[in-house]
Amino acid sequence: MPLGFDAIQYEVDRLVFRFLKAGAQRLTVSRPANSMLAGLILWVLPILALADAPAFPRPELMLPTQSLGPAELAVVVNDRDPLSRRIADYYMGRRAIPVANLVHVAFDPGRSVMPVDEFAALRAEVEQATPATVQAYALTWAAPYRVGCMSITTAFAAGYDAAFCAKGCRMTKPSPYYGSDSSRPFDDLGWRPTMALAGTNFAEVKALIDRGVASDGTRPAGTGYLVKTSDAARSVRAASFDRARSLFGSAVRLRRIDADSISGRQDVLFYLTGARQVREIRANHFLPGAIADHLTSTGGKLTDSHQMSALEWLRAGATGSYGTVVEPCNFTSKFPDPVELIGRYLNGATLIEAYWKSVRMPGQGIFIGEPLARPFGGYGVAFDGTRWVMTLYALTPGRYRLEGAEQPMGPYRPIAGFEKSGAEPVRIRTDPGDPTYFRVVPEAVSGSASG
């Protein structure tokens, strides 16, 4: 027998009462007497769920551009190498890189070393074909990894220069990009930092690219493992491990470990160590966007090293790595500085920026990985029950001004000033009556990963 209006109203009132009484507990509803009552229940419950919603709109935020994006990256493809062509095609699509940023070259693939004269002509072609807005390069091969006595990534970035090389244990030409806050390195410094999407088959590189893309803005709750091994000559970076922990330990878990390797760790975000060979790396789980490298002589000889190749880190699940292509000796300046590397990454730099800004003398070292991986980019917005809270992750340490407006296009007016002093995010709370649209304007940056 159909229910009358009063009966339906009674059922709805009863459900409302039960819902309010139950609070956040799950509400179990018996089968309604007819389909009309079922429709009313489905209509009422979403309205009730809005009772706890904010009374004012979710804020929108614009952050200053402080990192590279797809429009600033050119992909260099070797048309004579089927694997290079396949990698380039896949990466262009996954990262939505403009078609104009695909730069074609042609050389015989598979050699470990490219002669200097051949490279000089090749790079001149690349520079001529590169759009002026491009600030960095992604290479799409693992070999050649070297030009004369230089790594191929630094040769592309700065041009071949014997000053980047050394016979014996000597320092080499420094990079102006080391420790820099520039987000436009070619415009500011005349360098285009370069990273190789390196692998020996398509499945490896596809997995690498997918990890990089998947990492964006995830702000993973992983751990950085700073591992000092029994190899004293290759553990010289351990002197900076404690400083990294002191500076960034409140923003990310950093563990200093004295051991020849780690295994069984399920949350690897950083793994920095020193050894000829690193055992059991595949016994760990690397989070998307993870960085891992080992200080040794020839880890950058990607395809034919007698030591462990940096490629092994990518095969194990890391998203970026680094190694030297010729004997560098154990100068810490020729390897990633843990403080700069971790600090830049946590402050929103892409993988290519964080790695390049961490190596003072990169002439003999090759950078490999997914260049645009950016786990700590962007910002978050959440409602705490009374106010919206904007959490700003991707900012270089420095002083900023928060401005607000009622419309996306403005006009914007100053709201408050604030300072980001390290890797900890900045939290800004809004109240009813505050503008809906905000932007952050830099006033001064510190020029340091640590603030």
Protein backbone atom coordinates (compact mmCIF):
# COMPACT_ATOMS: atom_id res chain seq x y z
CA MET A 1 0.00 0.00 0.00
CA PRO A 2 1.53 3.38 -0.99
CA LEU A 3 2.55 5.74 1.80
CA GLY A 4 0.86 9.13 2.14
CA PHE A 5 2.76 12.44 2.38
CA ASP A 6 2.59 12.55 6.20
CA ALA A 7 4.07 9.07 6.44
CA ILE A 8 6.86 9.97 4.05
CA GLN A 9 7.59 13.15 6.02
CA TYR A 10 7.69 11.11 9.21
CA GLU A 11 10.17 8.67 7.70
CA VAL A 12 12.40 11.52 6.47
CA ASP A 13 12.30 13.30 9.86
CA ARG A 14 13.16 10.05 11.58
CA LEU A 15 16.13 9.48 9.29
CA VAL A 16 17.34 13.06 9.81
CA PHE A 17 17.17 12.61 13.57
CA ARG A 18 19.03 9.31 13.40
CA PHE A 19 21.66 10.85 11.12
CA LEU A 20 22.31 13.79 13.43
CA LYS A 21 22.39 11.54 16.48
CA ALA A 22 24.80 9.13 14.82
CA GLY A 23 27.18 11.92 13.84
CA ALA A 24 30.03 10.48 11.87
CA GLN A 25 28.84 6.89 12.43
CA ARG A 26 27.59 4.93 9.47
CA LEU A 27 23.82 5.13 9.03
CA THR A 28 22.05 1.87 8.21
CA VAL A 29 18.69 2.26 6.50
CA SER A 30 16.19 -0.56 6.26
CA ARG A 31 14.55 -1.24 2.91
CA PRO A 32 12.12 1.68 2.21
CA ALA A 33 8.46 1.01 1.83
CA ASN A 34 8.48 2.10 -1.79
CA SER A 35 10.72 3.65 -4.43
CA MET A 36 9.47 7.16 -3.67
CA LEU A 37 10.84 6.98 -0.14
CA ALA A 38 14.13 5.60 -1.50
CA GLY A 39 14.44 8.59 -3.81
CA LEU A 40 13.79 11.00 -0.97
CA ILE A 41 16.45 9.36 1.18
CA LEU A 42 19.02 9.63 -1.62
CA TRP A 43 18.06 13.29 -2.00
CA VAL A 44 18.18 14.17 1.70
CA LEU A 45 21.44 12.51 2.72
CA PRO A 46 23.76 14.53 0.40
CA ILE A 47 22.14 17.72 1.69
CA LEU A 48 22.82 16.64 5.26
CA ALA A 49 26.43 15.84 4.35
CA LEU A 50 26.87 19.49 3.40
CA ALA A 51 26.20 20.52 6.98
CA ASP A 52 29.90 20.19 7.82
CA ALA A 53 31.10 21.87 4.62
CA PRO A 54 32.91 25.22 4.78
CA ALA A 55 30.72 28.31 4.69
CA PHE A 56 33.17 30.13 2.38
CA PRO A 57 34.82 29.07 -0.89
CA ARG A 58 37.96 27.00 -1.23
CA PRO A 59 40.88 29.36 -1.89
CA GLU A 60 42.89 29.24 -5.11
CA LEU A 61 46.60 30.01 -5.12
CA MET A 62 49.20 30.98 -7.72
CA LEU A 63 52.84 30.28 -6.85
CA PRO A 64 55.80 31.96 -8.55
CA THR A 65 57.50 29.91 -11.26
CA GLN A 66 60.66 28.56 -9.64
CA SER A 67 61.23 25.34 -11.55
CA LEU A 68 61.44 23.99 -15.09
CA GLY A 69 58.40 22.66 -16.91
CA PRO A 70 57.68 20.78 -20.15
CA ALA A 71 57.80 23.96 -22.26
CA GLU A 72 61.40 24.61 -21.14
CA LEU A 73 62.72 21.09 -21.87
CA ALA A 74 63.90 19.92 -25.30
CA VAL A 75 64.14 16.21 -26.12
CA VAL A 76 67.12 15.18 -28.27
CA VAL A 77 66.43 12.07 -30.38
CA ASN A 78 68.88 10.03 -32.46
CA ASP A 79 67.04 9.19 -35.66
CA ARG A 80 69.40 6.27 -36.37
CA ASP A 81 68.53 4.56 -33.09
CA PRO A 82 65.10 2.84 -32.95
CA LEU A 83 65.22 2.75 -29.12
CA SER A 84 65.98 6.48 -28.93
CA ARG A 85 63.07 7.24 -31.25
CA ARG A 86 60.70 5.13 -29.19
CA ILE A 87 61.83 6.71 -25.91
CA ALA A 88 61.47 10.22 -27.32
CA ASP A 89 57.98 9.55 -28.66
CA TYR A 90 56.78 8.11 -25.37
CA TYR A 91 58.34 10.83 -23.23
CA MET A 92 57.01 13.68 -25.37
CA GLY A 93 53.50 12.30 -24.90
CA ARG A 94 53.74 11.54 -21.19
CA ARG A 95 55.08 14.99 -20.35
CA ALA A 96 53.10 16.93 -22.98
CA ILE A 97 56.29 18.49 -24.31
CA PRO A 98 55.69 20.83 -27.28
CA VAL A 99 56.41 19.26 -30.67
CA ALA A 100 58.74 22.17 -31.47
CA ASN A 101 60.98 21.00 -28.60
CA LEU A 102 61.86 17.71 -30.30
CA VAL A 103 65.39 18.07 -31.69
CA HIS A 104 66.64 15.52 -34.22
CA VAL A 105 70.21 14.30 -34.59
CA ALA A 106 71.70 11.35 -36.46
CA PHE A 107 74.75 9.33 -35.43
CA ASP A 108 75.73 5.68 -35.19
CA PRO A 109 74.38 4.42 -31.85
CA GLY A 110 75.96 2.11 -29.30
CA ARG A 111 79.43 3.59 -28.93
CA SER A 112 80.57 4.47 -25.43
CA VAL A 113 82.57 7.52 -26.48
CA MET A 114 81.83 10.11 -29.15
CA PRO A 115 84.84 11.90 -30.71
CA VAL A 116 85.13 15.57 -29.86
CA ASP A 117 85.01 16.80 -33.48
CA GLU A 118 81.87 14.78 -34.23
CA PHE A 119 80.21 16.08 -31.09
CA ALA A 120 81.07 19.70 -31.86
CA ALA A 121 79.26 19.50 -35.20
CA LEU A 122 76.33 17.64 -33.63
CA ARG A 123 75.90 20.14 -30.82
CA ALA A 124 75.99 23.05 -33.26
CA GLU A 125 73.06 21.43 -35.11
CA VAL A 126 71.20 20.94 -31.83
CA GLU A 127 71.70 24.53 -30.72
CA GLN A 128 70.48 25.84 -34.07
CA ALA A 129 67.33 23.70 -33.88
CA THR A 130 66.57 24.46 -30.21
CA PRO A 131 63.81 27.01 -29.52
CA ALA A 132 65.10 30.05 -27.65
CA THR A 133 62.76 29.39 -24.72
CA VAL A 134 64.32 25.97 -23.97
CA GLN A 135 66.38 25.88 -20.77
CA ALA A 136 67.38 22.20 -20.53
CA TYR A 137 67.83 19.00 -22.55
CA ALA A 138 66.73 15.38 -22.16
CA LEU A 139 68.82 12.85 -24.09
CA THR A 140 67.23 9.58 -25.15
CA TRP A 141 70.08 7.07 -25.04
CA ALA A 142 72.50 5.40 -22.62
CA ALA A 143 75.45 5.34 -25.05
CA PRO A 144 77.44 7.30 -25.92
CA TYR A 145 77.77 8.52 -22.36
CA ARG A 146 81.05 10.34 -22.90
CA VAL A 147 82.58 12.93 -25.25
CA GLY A 148 86.37 12.86 -25.18
CA CYS A 149 87.13 13.22 -21.47
CA MET A 150 83.75 14.76 -20.54
CA SER A 151 80.35 13.29 -19.71
CA ILE A 152 77.91 13.75 -22.57
CA THR A 153 75.37 15.50 -20.34
CA THR A 154 77.82 18.24 -19.34
CA ALA A 155 79.12 18.47 -22.92
CA PHE A 156 75.56 19.18 -24.09
CA ALA A 157 74.93 21.56 -21.20
CA ALA A 158 78.01 23.75 -21.56
CA GLY A 159 79.82 22.67 -24.71
CA TYR A 160 83.00 20.64 -24.90
CA ASP A 161 85.84 22.26 -22.96
CA ALA A 162 89.05 20.54 -21.86
CA ALA A 163 88.91 22.62 -18.67
CA PHE A 164 86.17 20.24 -17.52
CA CYS A 165 88.67 17.38 -17.71
CA ALA A 166 91.64 16.42 -15.56
CA LYS A 167 94.70 14.23 -15.92
CA GLY A 168 95.26 12.72 -12.53
CA CYS A 169 93.73 14.00 -9.33
CA ARG A 170 93.00 17.61 -10.09
CA MET A 171 90.06 19.97 -9.79
CA THR A 172 88.12 20.91 -12.91
CA LYS A 173 86.10 23.86 -14.18
CA PRO A 174 83.16 24.67 -11.83
CA SER A 175 79.55 25.06 -12.84
CA PRO A 176 77.87 28.46 -12.38
CA TYR A 177 74.62 26.55 -11.86
CA TYR A 178 75.84 24.93 -8.62
CA GLY A 179 73.83 26.28 -5.67
CA SER A 180 71.99 28.68 -7.98
CA ASP A 181 68.40 29.82 -7.56
CA SER A 182 67.98 30.33 -11.29
CA SER A 183 64.93 28.70 -12.84
CA ARG A 184 66.08 29.76 -16.32
CA PRO A 185 69.69 28.54 -16.51
CA PHE A 186 70.20 29.22 -20.21
CA ASP A 187 68.82 32.74 -20.03
CA ASP A 188 70.73 33.52 -16.83
CA LEU A 189 73.94 31.50 -17.21
CA GLY A 190 74.20 30.29 -20.79
CA TRP A 191 73.95 26.61 -19.72
CA ARG A 192 71.26 24.07 -20.54
CA PRO A 193 71.46 21.35 -17.86
CA THR A 194 71.09 17.94 -19.46
CA MET A 195 69.89 14.57 -18.22
CA ALA A 196 69.77 11.23 -20.03
CA LEU A 197 66.64 9.09 -20.10
CA ALA A 198 68.98 6.13 -19.94
CA GLY A 199 68.27 2.44 -20.24
CA THR A 200 69.19 -0.54 -22.39
CA ASN A 201 65.63 -1.43 -23.41
CA PHE A 202 62.31 0.33 -23.77
CA ALA A 203 60.65 -1.40 -20.81
CA GLU A 204 63.31 0.00 -18.44
CA VAL A 205 62.98 3.55 -19.70
CA LYS A 206 59.18 3.43 -19.88
CA ALA A 207 59.08 2.35 -16.23
CA LEU A 208 61.50 5.16 -15.35
CA ILE A 209 59.36 7.77 -17.11
CA ASP A 210 56.18 6.46 -15.50
CA ARG A 211 57.76 6.67 -12.04
CA GLY A 212 58.79 10.25 -12.64
CA VAL A 213 55.35 11.31 -13.81
CA ALA A 214 53.68 9.43 -10.96
CA SER A 215 55.85 11.23 -8.39
CA ASP A 216 54.69 14.75 -9.18
CA GLY A 217 53.23 16.57 -6.19
CA THR A 218 52.96 13.40 -4.09
CA ARG A 219 55.15 14.71 -1.23
CA PRO A 220 56.06 11.12 -0.31
CA ALA A 221 56.50 10.19 3.33
CA GLY A 222 59.69 8.29 2.61
CA THR A 223 63.10 8.05 4.21
CA GLY A 224 66.48 9.28 3.10
CA TYR A 225 69.21 6.72 3.84
CA LEU A 226 72.67 8.31 4.17
CA VAL A 227 74.95 5.29 4.23
CA LYS A 228 78.59 5.41 5.27
CA THR A 229 80.33 2.23 4.15
CA SER A 230 83.56 0.59 5.26
CA ASP A 231 85.17 1.97 2.09
CA ALA A 232 86.70 5.12 3.57
CA ALA A 233 87.91 6.55 0.25
CA ARG A 234 84.42 6.37 -1.23
CA SER A 235 82.62 7.55 1.92
CA VAL A 236 84.00 11.10 1.94
CA ARG A 237 80.50 12.57 1.56
CA ALA A 238 79.59 11.18 4.98
CA ALA A 239 81.08 14.34 6.49
CA SER A 240 77.98 16.23 5.29
CA PHE A 241 75.39 13.66 6.37
CA ASP A 242 74.89 15.10 9.84
CA ARG A 243 74.42 18.61 8.47
CA ALA A 244 71.77 17.35 6.06
CA ARG A 245 69.95 15.68 8.96
CA SER A 246 70.19 18.82 11.07
CA LEU A 247 68.82 21.05 8.31
CA PHE A 248 66.12 18.84 6.85
CA GLY A 249 65.34 16.19 9.45
CA SER A 250 62.14 17.96 10.48
CA ALA A 251 60.87 17.99 6.88
CA VAL A 252 61.77 14.42 5.89
CA ARG A 253 63.06 11.34 7.68
CA LEU A 254 66.82 11.11 7.23
CA ARG A 255 68.75 8.20 8.70
CA ARG A 256 72.51 7.98 8.88
CA ILE A 257 73.58 4.35 8.73
CA ASP A 258 77.06 2.87 9.07
CA ALA A 259 76.91 -0.26 6.90
CA ASP A 260 78.01 -1.45 3.49
CA SER A 261 74.40 -1.56 2.26
CA ILE A 262 70.78 -1.62 3.34
CA SER A 263 68.06 -4.09 2.42
CA GLY A 264 64.39 -4.69 3.08
CA ARG A 265 63.58 -0.96 3.30
CA GLN A 266 60.16 -0.21 1.84
CA ASP A 267 60.26 3.60 1.82
CA VAL A 268 63.47 4.69 0.07
CA LEU A 269 63.35 8.33 -1.02
CA PHE A 270 67.10 9.02 -0.96
CA TYR A 271 69.93 6.47 -0.89
CA LEU A 272 73.36 8.12 -0.94
CA THR A 273 76.43 5.97 -0.38
CA GLY A 274 79.93 5.15 -1.62
CA ALA A 275 81.23 1.81 -2.86
CA ARG A 276 82.51 0.03 -5.96
CA GLN A 277 79.47 -2.24 -5.84
CA VAL A 278 76.34 -1.76 -3.71
CA ARG A 279 74.78 -5.06 -2.68
CA GLU A 280 71.08 -5.87 -2.41
CA ILE A 281 69.74 -2.66 -3.89
CA ARG A 282 66.83 -4.58 -5.42
CA ALA A 283 65.89 -5.84 -1.97
CA ASN A 284 64.57 -2.34 -1.23
CA HIS A 285 61.50 -0.49 -2.47
CA PHE A 286 62.15 2.92 -4.04
CA LEU A 287 59.31 5.43 -3.97
CA PRO A 288 58.42 7.24 -7.22
CA GLY A 289 60.83 10.17 -7.54
CA ALA A 290 63.55 8.51 -5.43
CA ILE A 291 67.18 9.56 -5.86
CA ALA A 292 70.07 7.13 -5.40
CA ASP A 293 73.77 7.21 -6.24
CA HIS A 294 77.11 5.83 -5.11
CA LEU A 295 80.44 7.63 -5.09
CA THR A 296 82.92 5.57 -7.09
CA SER A 297 85.26 6.05 -10.03
CA THR A 298 83.29 4.86 -13.04
CA GLY A 299 79.63 4.49 -12.12
CA GLY A 300 78.86 6.76 -15.08
CA LYS A 301 80.23 4.27 -17.60
CA LEU A 302 76.65 3.20 -18.06
CA THR A 303 77.00 0.20 -20.36
CA ASP A 304 80.51 -1.17 -19.80
CA SER A 305 81.82 -0.30 -16.34
CA HIS A 306 83.88 -2.77 -14.29
CA GLN A 307 82.23 -1.15 -11.26
CA MET A 308 78.51 -0.88 -10.58
CA SER A 309 76.83 1.26 -13.23
CA ALA A 310 74.50 4.05 -12.13
CA LEU A 311 71.93 2.36 -14.38
CA GLU A 312 71.55 -0.31 -11.71
CA TRP A 313 69.88 2.24 -9.44
CA LEU A 314 67.26 2.98 -12.11
CA ARG A 315 66.70 -0.72 -12.71
CA ALA A 316 66.12 -1.15 -8.98
CA GLY A 317 63.42 1.53 -9.00
CA ALA A 318 65.14 4.88 -8.45
CA THR A 319 64.07 7.81 -10.63
CA GLY A 320 67.43 9.57 -10.81
CA SER A 321 71.13 8.83 -10.39
CA TYR A 322 74.61 10.10 -11.14
CA GLY A 323 78.04 8.68 -11.88
CA THR A 324 81.40 9.67 -13.31
CA VAL A 325 82.55 8.54 -16.76
CA VAL A 326 86.31 8.82 -16.13
CA GLU A 327 88.44 8.65 -12.98
CA PRO A 328 87.57 11.78 -10.94
CA CYS A 329 89.40 10.88 -7.72
CA ASN A 330 87.31 11.28 -4.60
CA PHE A 331 86.81 15.04 -4.70
CA THR A 332 83.43 15.70 -3.13
CA SER A 333 83.00 18.66 -5.52
CA LYS A 334 82.68 16.20 -8.40
CA PHE A 335 79.77 14.35 -6.81
CA PRO A 336 76.33 15.42 -5.58
CA ASP A 337 76.41 17.41 -2.35
CA PRO A 338 73.78 15.79 -0.07
CA VAL A 339 72.80 19.13 1.49
CA GLU A 340 72.16 20.86 -1.83
CA LEU A 341 70.55 17.81 -3.43
CA ILE A 342 68.09 17.04 -0.63
CA GLY A 343 67.35 20.68 0.15
CA ARG A 344 66.63 21.65 -3.46
CA TYR A 345 64.40 18.64 -4.02
CA LEU A 346 62.38 19.25 -0.84
CA ASN A 347 61.91 22.90 -1.80
CA GLY A 348 60.19 21.97 -5.07
CA ALA A 349 62.98 21.66 -7.64
CA THR A 350 62.64 19.13 -10.43
CA LEU A 351 65.01 16.18 -10.47
CA ILE A 352 67.25 17.71 -13.12
CA GLU A 353 67.48 21.00 -11.22
CA ALA A 354 68.14 19.44 -7.81
CA TYR A 355 70.86 17.15 -9.17
CA TRP A 356 72.60 19.75 -11.31
CA LYS A 357 72.56 22.38 -8.57
CA SER A 358 74.24 19.89 -6.22
CA VAL A 359 77.41 19.22 -8.25
CA ARG A 360 80.08 21.93 -8.21
CA MET A 361 82.31 20.32 -10.86
CA PRO A 362 80.13 18.23 -13.20
CA GLY A 363 82.48 17.91 -16.17
CA GLN A 364 83.21 14.24 -15.57
CA GLY A 365 79.77 13.20 -14.29
CA ILE A 366 76.64 12.06 -16.12
CA PHE A 367 73.12 12.79 -14.87
CA ILE A 368 70.51 10.12 -15.60
CA GLY A 369 66.81 9.85 -14.80
CA GLU A 370 63.45 11.48 -15.51
CA PRO A 371 64.25 15.20 -15.62
CA LEU A 372 60.87 16.68 -14.68
CA ALA A 373 60.07 14.45 -11.69
CA ARG A 374 58.94 16.83 -8.93
CA PRO A 375 57.60 15.06 -5.84
CA PHE A 376 57.60 18.20 -3.71
CA GLY A 377 55.94 20.57 -6.14
CA GLY A 378 52.71 22.49 -5.75
CA TYR A 379 50.62 23.23 -2.67
CA GLY A 380 47.83 21.63 -0.67
CA VAL A 381 44.47 22.97 0.56
CA ALA A 382 42.48 21.40 3.38
CA PHE A 383 39.63 22.49 5.67
CA ASP A 384 40.41 22.13 9.38
CA GLY A 385 36.81 22.48 10.55
CA THR A 386 36.81 26.27 10.86
CA ARG A 387 39.21 27.60 8.23
CA TRP A 388 40.90 26.68 4.99
CA VAL A 389 44.62 25.91 5.34
CA MET A 390 46.95 26.37 2.36
CA THR A 391 50.22 24.43 2.70
CA LEU A 392 52.97 25.80 0.45
CA TYR A 393 55.69 23.27 -0.42
CA ALA A 394 57.31 24.46 -3.63
CA LEU A 395 59.10 27.64 -2.64
CA THR A 396 62.77 28.50 -2.54
CA PRO A 397 63.82 29.78 0.90
CA GLY A 398 63.37 33.53 1.09
CA ARG A 399 60.92 36.36 1.79
CA TYR A 400 57.54 36.54 0.07
CA ARG A 401 54.39 38.66 -0.06
CA LEU A 402 50.90 37.13 -0.07
CA GLU A 403 48.39 39.05 -2.16
CA GLY A 404 44.64 38.47 -2.53
CA ALA A 405 41.82 39.32 -4.94
CA GLU A 406 38.12 38.62 -5.44
CA GLN A 407 38.63 37.66 -9.10
CA PRO A 408 41.33 35.49 -10.72
CA MET A 409 42.61 38.41 -12.83
CA GLY A 410 42.73 40.82 -9.88
CA PRO A 411 43.27 43.48 -8.89
CA TYR A 412 45.46 41.97 -6.14
CA ARG A 413 46.23 43.71 -2.87
CA PRO A 414 48.87 42.88 -0.23
CA ILE A 415 47.62 40.61 2.57
CA ALA A 416 50.74 39.71 4.55
CA GLY A 417 54.44 39.04 4.31
CA PHE A 418 56.10 35.76 5.28
CA GLU A 419 59.44 33.98 5.14
CA LYS A 420 60.30 30.44 4.15
CA SER A 421 63.50 29.66 6.00
CA GLY A 422 64.16 26.04 5.06
CA ALA A 423 62.56 22.87 3.73
CA GLU A 424 59.56 22.99 6.09
CA PRO A 425 56.34 23.97 4.25
CA VAL A 426 54.59 27.26 4.99
CA ARG A 427 50.97 27.10 6.20
CA ILE A 428 48.55 29.97 5.60
CA ARG A 429 45.03 29.99 7.11
CA THR A 430 42.12 31.91 5.64
CA ASP A 431 39.04 33.27 7.40
CA PRO A 432 35.53 34.19 6.24
CA GLY A 433 35.76 37.52 4.45
CA ASP A 434 39.24 36.84 3.08
CA PRO A 435 39.68 36.88 -0.71
CA THR A 436 39.16 33.67 -2.68
CA TYR A 437 42.16 34.12 -4.97
CA PHE A 438 45.72 34.46 -3.75
CA ARG A 439 49.17 34.75 -5.25
CA VAL A 440 52.66 34.61 -3.78
CA VAL A 441 55.17 37.22 -4.92
CA PRO A 442 58.92 36.83 -4.18
CA GLU A 443 60.61 39.72 -2.39
CA ALA A 444 64.04 38.12 -1.87
CA VAL A 445 65.45 34.60 -2.07
CA SER A 446 68.28 33.29 0.08
CA GLY A 447 70.45 31.68 -2.59
CA SER A 448 70.83 28.54 -0.49
CA ALA A 449 69.09 25.17 -0.35
CA SER A 450 69.16 25.39 3.42
CA GLY A 451 67.85 28.93 3.70
